[in-house]
């Protein structure tokens, strides 16, 4: 496989991941073609890097929101005692 084809496949995979919902993305390690990226693919790769930075920023914001929610939930007692919470006076 030529370096240009290998690079194109790597860029295809990265674009698919950027277009997929975050939870659908699987970890993967690309096979480095062993040569620099061809000139005709540089613009495409640059756009992918820009999109990855946007996605990373979105993920960081989501993580901060999640941490804030967890901090609020940490204020809720984890367990209640084994005693009854209500007493049925008519029983």
C-alpha atoms as a PDB file:
ATOM      1  CA  UNK A   1       0.000   0.000   0.000  1.00  0.00           C
ATOM      2  CA  UNK A   2       1.394   3.384  -0.926  1.00  0.00           C
ATOM      3  CA  UNK A   3       1.949   6.060   1.677  1.00  0.00           C
ATOM      4  CA  UNK A   4      -0.723   8.290   0.120  1.00  0.00           C
ATOM      5  CA  UNK A   5      -3.324   5.505   0.302  1.00  0.00           C
ATOM      6  CA  UNK A   6      -2.354   4.680   3.882  1.00  0.00           C
ATOM      7  CA  UNK A   7      -2.574   8.332   4.902  1.00  0.00           C
ATOM      8  CA  UNK A   8      -5.919   8.670   3.166  1.00  0.00           C
ATOM      9  CA  UNK A   9      -7.264   5.670   5.117  1.00  0.00           C
ATOM     10  CA  UNK A  10      -6.033   7.176   8.383  1.00  0.00           C
ATOM     11  CA  UNK A  11      -7.744  10.476   7.575  1.00  0.00           C
ATOM     12  CA  UNK A  12     -10.928   8.605   6.580  1.00  0.00           C
ATOM     13  CA  UNK A  13     -11.011   6.911   9.995  1.00  0.00           C
ATOM     14  CA  UNK A  14     -10.414  10.171  11.847  1.00  0.00           C
ATOM     15  CA  UNK A  15     -13.222  11.867   9.907  1.00  0.00           C
ATOM     16  CA  UNK A  16     -15.614   8.981  10.618  1.00  0.00           C
ATOM     17  CA  UNK A  17     -14.881   9.311  14.309  1.00  0.00           C
ATOM     18  CA  UNK A  18     -15.453  13.050  14.275  1.00  0.00           C
ATOM     19  CA  UNK A  19     -18.790  12.536  12.527  1.00  0.00           C
ATOM     20  CA  UNK A  20     -19.895   9.750  14.897  1.00  0.00           C
ATOM     21  CA  UNK A  21     -21.583  10.293  18.249  1.00  0.00           C
ATOM     22  CA  UNK A  22     -18.956  10.468  20.976  1.00  0.00           C
ATOM     23  CA  UNK A  23     -20.133   7.293  22.689  1.00  0.00           C
ATOM     24  CA  UNK A  24     -19.759   5.327  19.430  1.00  0.00           C
ATOM     25  CA  UNK A  25     -16.038   6.014  19.011  1.00  0.00           C
ATOM     26  CA  UNK A  26     -13.759   3.033  19.603  1.00  0.00           C
ATOM     27  CA  UNK A  27     -10.071   3.422  20.518  1.00  0.00           C
ATOM     28  CA  UNK A  28      -7.704   2.578  17.689  1.00  0.00           C
ATOM     29  CA  UNK A  29      -4.068   3.025  16.767  1.00  0.00           C
ATOM     30  CA  UNK A  30      -3.388   3.933  13.154  1.00  0.00           C
ATOM     31  CA  UNK A  31      -0.618   2.189  11.275  1.00  0.00           C
ATOM     32  CA  UNK A  32       1.873   4.927  10.529  1.00  0.00           C
ATOM     33  CA  UNK A  33       2.758   4.664   6.827  1.00  0.00           C
ATOM     34  CA  UNK A  34       6.432   5.377   7.489  1.00  0.00           C
ATOM     35  CA  UNK A  35       6.593   8.473   5.338  1.00  0.00           C
ATOM     36  CA  UNK A  36       5.422  12.076   5.681  1.00  0.00           C
ATOM     37  CA  UNK A  37       1.866  12.946   4.770  1.00  0.00           C
ATOM     38  CA  UNK A  38       1.580  13.801   1.051  1.00  0.00           C
ATOM     39  CA  UNK A  39       1.161  17.481   0.215  1.00  0.00           C
ATOM     40  CA  UNK A  40      -2.287  16.978  -1.319  1.00  0.00           C
ATOM     41  CA  UNK A  41      -3.608  15.620   2.018  1.00  0.00           C
ATOM     42  CA  UNK A  42      -2.186  18.352   4.287  1.00  0.00           C
ATOM     43  CA  UNK A  43      -5.216  20.644   4.036  1.00  0.00           C
ATOM     44  CA  UNK A  44      -7.566  17.773   4.865  1.00  0.00           C
ATOM     45  CA  UNK A  45      -5.409  16.745   7.834  1.00  0.00           C
ATOM     46  CA  UNK A  46      -5.294  20.347   9.075  1.00  0.00           C
ATOM     47  CA  UNK A  47      -9.090  20.518   8.977  1.00  0.00           C
ATOM     48  CA  UNK A  48      -9.304  17.276  10.953  1.00  0.00           C
ATOM     49  CA  UNK A  49      -6.963  18.683  13.610  1.00  0.00           C
ATOM     50  CA  UNK A  50      -9.140  21.818  13.832  1.00  0.00           C
ATOM     51  CA  UNK A  51     -12.264  19.677  14.264  1.00  0.00           C
ATOM     52  CA  UNK A  52     -10.528  17.533  16.906  1.00  0.00           C
ATOM     53  CA  UNK A  53      -9.699  20.668  18.897  1.00  0.00           C
ATOM     54  CA  UNK A  54     -13.367  21.692  18.763  1.00  0.00           C
ATOM     55  CA  UNK A  55     -14.428  18.208  19.902  1.00  0.00           C
ATOM     56  CA  UNK A  56     -11.852  18.253  22.718  1.00  0.00           C
ATOM     57  CA  UNK A  57     -13.193  21.606  23.927  1.00  0.00           C
ATOM     58  CA  UNK A  58     -16.749  20.241  23.875  1.00  0.00           C
ATOM     59  CA  UNK A  59     -15.669  17.179  25.850  1.00  0.00           C
ATOM     60  CA  UNK A  60     -13.884  19.332  28.427  1.00  0.00           C
ATOM     61  CA  UNK A  61     -17.034  21.417  28.888  1.00  0.00           C
ATOM     62  CA  UNK A  62     -19.134  18.273  29.296  1.00  0.00           C
ATOM     63  CA  UNK A  63     -16.655  16.885  31.849  1.00  0.00           C
ATOM     64  CA  UNK A  64     -16.796  20.131  33.864  1.00  0.00           C
ATOM     65  CA  UNK A  65     -20.606  20.019  33.838  1.00  0.00           C
ATOM     66  CA  UNK A  66     -20.525  16.382  34.912  1.00  0.00           C
ATOM     67  CA  UNK A  67     -18.119  17.157  37.757  1.00  0.00           C
ATOM     68  CA  UNK A  68     -20.426  19.946  38.950  1.00  0.00           C
ATOM     69  CA  UNK A  69     -23.373  17.536  38.938  1.00  0.00           C
ATOM     70  CA  UNK A  70     -21.381  14.910  40.844  1.00  0.00           C
ATOM     71  CA  UNK A  71     -20.365  17.542  43.406  1.00  0.00           C
ATOM     72  CA  UNK A  72     -24.044  18.321  44.026  1.00  0.00           C
ATOM     73  CA  UNK A  73     -24.919  14.627  44.268  1.00  0.00           C
ATOM     74  CA  UNK A  74     -22.103  14.137  46.772  1.00  0.00           C
ATOM     75  CA  UNK A  75     -24.101  16.360  49.150  1.00  0.00           C
ATOM     76  CA  UNK A  76     -26.919  13.801  49.221  1.00  0.00           C
ATOM     77  CA  UNK A  77     -26.502  11.183  51.967  1.00  0.00           C
ATOM     78  CA  UNK A  78     -25.489   7.872  50.424  1.00  0.00           C
ATOM     79  CA  UNK A  79     -27.619   5.675  52.715  1.00  0.00           C
ATOM     80  CA  UNK A  80     -30.531   6.083  54.963  1.00  0.00           C
ATOM     81  CA  UNK A  81     -30.757   4.212  58.203  1.00  0.00           C
ATOM     82  CA  UNK A  82     -32.775   1.034  58.529  1.00  0.00           C
ATOM     83  CA  UNK A  83     -35.508   2.860  60.444  1.00  0.00           C
ATOM     84  CA  UNK A  84     -38.868   3.612  58.870  1.00  0.00           C
ATOM     85  CA  UNK A  85     -39.247   6.964  57.214  1.00  0.00           C
ATOM     86  CA  UNK A  86     -43.030   7.055  57.646  1.00  0.00           C
ATOM     87  CA  UNK A  87     -45.297   5.854  60.391  1.00  0.00           C
ATOM     88  CA  UNK A  88     -48.785   4.623  59.471  1.00  0.00           C
ATOM     89  CA  UNK A  89     -50.947   5.911  62.324  1.00  0.00           C
ATOM     90  CA  UNK A  90     -54.039   4.154  60.940  1.00  0.00           C
ATOM     91  CA  UNK A  91     -52.525   0.671  61.071  1.00  0.00           C
END
